[in-house]
Protein backbone atom coordinates (compact mmCIF):
# COMPACT_ATOMS: atom_id res chain seq x y z
CA VAL A 1 -47.83 -140.10 7.85
CA GLY A 2 -44.22 -141.10 7.42
CA THR A 3 -40.86 -139.58 8.26
CA THR A 4 -40.72 -137.98 4.85
CA ASP A 5 -43.82 -135.91 5.75
CA VAL A 6 -41.96 -133.89 8.41
CA PRO A 7 -41.52 -130.30 7.26
CA ARG A 8 -38.04 -128.83 7.00
CA ILE A 9 -37.11 -126.97 10.20
CA ASP A 10 -34.72 -124.04 10.05
CA VAL A 11 -33.05 -123.01 13.28
CA SER A 12 -31.50 -119.58 13.60
CA HIS A 13 -30.19 -117.44 16.42
CA LEU A 14 -30.54 -113.71 16.92
CA GLU A 15 -28.27 -112.17 19.51
CA THR A 16 -28.85 -108.76 21.09
CA ARG A 17 -26.87 -107.36 23.98
CA SER A 18 -28.73 -106.32 27.11
CA GLN A 19 -28.21 -102.72 28.21
CA ASP A 20 -29.10 -103.69 31.79
CA THR A 21 -26.28 -106.09 32.68
CA LEU A 22 -22.56 -105.54 33.00
CA LEU A 23 -21.69 -108.30 30.51
CA GLY A 24 -24.56 -107.54 28.13
CA THR A 25 -26.03 -110.95 28.88
CA LYS A 26 -29.64 -111.87 29.42
CA GLY A 27 -31.69 -114.99 29.83
CA MET A 28 -33.27 -117.20 32.41
CA GLY A 29 -31.35 -116.83 35.64
CA GLU A 30 -28.71 -114.74 33.89
CA GLY A 31 -26.69 -117.92 33.34
CA GLY A 32 -24.24 -116.06 31.13
CA ALA A 33 -23.39 -113.69 33.98
CA ILE A 34 -22.92 -116.45 36.56
CA SER A 35 -20.25 -118.66 34.95
CA PRO A 36 -17.53 -116.11 34.05
CA PRO A 37 -16.91 -114.85 37.62
CA ALA A 38 -16.65 -118.43 38.89
CA ALA A 39 -14.24 -119.37 36.09
CA ILE A 40 -12.11 -116.28 36.71
CA THR A 41 -12.04 -116.93 40.47
CA SER A 42 -10.97 -120.52 39.84
CA ALA A 43 -8.25 -119.39 37.42
CA VAL A 44 -6.91 -116.87 39.98
CA ALA A 45 -6.87 -119.53 42.71
CA ASP A 46 -5.07 -121.97 40.37
CA ALA A 47 -2.52 -119.30 39.41
CA LEU A 48 -1.80 -118.52 43.07
CA ALA A 49 -1.49 -122.17 44.13
CA PRO A 50 2.18 -122.60 43.10
CA VAL A 51 3.16 -119.43 44.95
CA LEU A 52 1.15 -120.19 48.10
CA GLY A 53 1.72 -123.93 48.15
CA GLU A 54 -1.98 -124.64 47.72
CA ALA A 55 -4.97 -123.04 46.04
CA PRO A 56 -6.48 -120.34 48.25
CA GLN A 57 -10.17 -120.28 49.07
CA ILE A 58 -11.56 -117.09 47.58
CA ARG A 59 -14.82 -115.88 49.07
CA PHE A 60 -17.05 -112.97 48.21
CA GLU A 61 -19.29 -111.13 50.62
CA ALA A 62 -22.25 -108.91 49.93
CA ALA A 63 -21.47 -105.21 50.00
CA ALA A 64 -22.37 -103.39 53.21
CA GLN A 65 -24.00 -100.64 51.16
CA PRO A 66 -26.37 -101.41 48.31
CA VAL A 67 -24.57 -101.24 44.98
CA GLU A 68 -26.17 -99.23 42.18
CA SER A 69 -27.01 -101.43 39.20
CA LEU A 70 -25.87 -100.49 35.71
CA SER A 71 -29.48 -99.88 34.71
CA ALA A 72 -30.08 -97.61 37.73
CA ARG A 73 -26.81 -95.74 37.07
CA ASN A 74 -27.77 -95.19 33.41
CA GLU A 75 -31.24 -94.00 34.42
CA ARG A 76 -29.79 -91.61 37.02
CA ALA A 77 -27.32 -90.20 34.48
CA ARG A 78 -30.13 -89.77 31.92
CA ASP A 79 -32.26 -87.95 34.54
CA GLU A 80 -29.31 -85.70 35.43
CA ARG A 81 -28.75 -84.81 31.75
CA GLN A 82 -32.47 -84.10 31.37
CA SER A 83 -32.53 -81.81 34.42
CA ALA A 84 -29.43 -79.98 33.22
CA ALA A 85 -30.97 -79.48 29.75
CA GLU A 86 -34.19 -78.10 31.24
CA ALA A 87 -32.29 -75.80 33.61
CA ALA A 88 -30.10 -74.47 30.79
CA PHE A 89 -33.15 -73.84 28.61
CA MET A 90 -35.12 -72.10 31.34
CA SER A 91 -32.17 -69.90 32.33
CA ASP A 92 -31.71 -68.59 28.78
CA PRO A 93 -32.47 -64.82 28.71
CA ASP A 94 -34.49 -65.08 25.48
CA VAL A 95 -36.63 -67.84 26.95
CA GLN A 96 -37.16 -65.78 30.09
CA ARG A 97 -38.17 -62.80 27.96
CA LEU A 98 -40.69 -64.88 25.99
CA ILE A 99 -42.19 -66.17 29.21
CA SER A 100 -42.44 -62.78 30.88
CA GLN A 101 -43.51 -60.67 27.88
CA HIS A 102 -45.72 -63.08 25.99
CA GLY A 103 -46.90 -65.58 28.59
CA ALA A 104 -45.06 -68.39 26.84
CA ARG A 105 -44.98 -71.68 28.63
CA LEU A 106 -42.83 -74.78 28.37
CA VAL A 107 -44.52 -77.80 26.81
CA PRO A 108 -43.88 -80.72 29.18
CA ASP A 109 -41.47 -83.33 27.85
CA SER A 110 -40.37 -81.14 24.92
CA ILE A 111 -36.74 -80.58 25.94
CA ARG A 112 -34.07 -83.20 25.30
CA PRO A 113 -30.35 -83.16 26.06
CA LEU A 114 -28.20 -82.78 22.94
CA ASP A 115 -26.81 -86.31 23.27
CA GLU A 116 -30.25 -87.98 23.29
CA PRO A 117 -32.04 -89.10 20.13
CA HIS A 118 -35.35 -87.43 19.33
């Protein structure tokens, strides 16, 4: 087996944005989400240095209250839209009439908000 026996290797990249992170990044350790804040903080400190006479030390502290993640916020909003859609459907007079006169019942998980795909 010689070097000419090595098969051709094609390398390609497929990028998809994450819906769960603020920057759309994903990966091991969320490396893409770690570097930008540090670079921005450093740039702000460098920009302030001439005005202050030296670069300030910028520190961040954890929030006293837990902060809702983007994923949790999206899930909460989706749940709120779902509840509103179900409430609007169930409060419709025609739906109420069908339920009371004909014993109709709602099929679980059959109602979707208008802005959600089927």
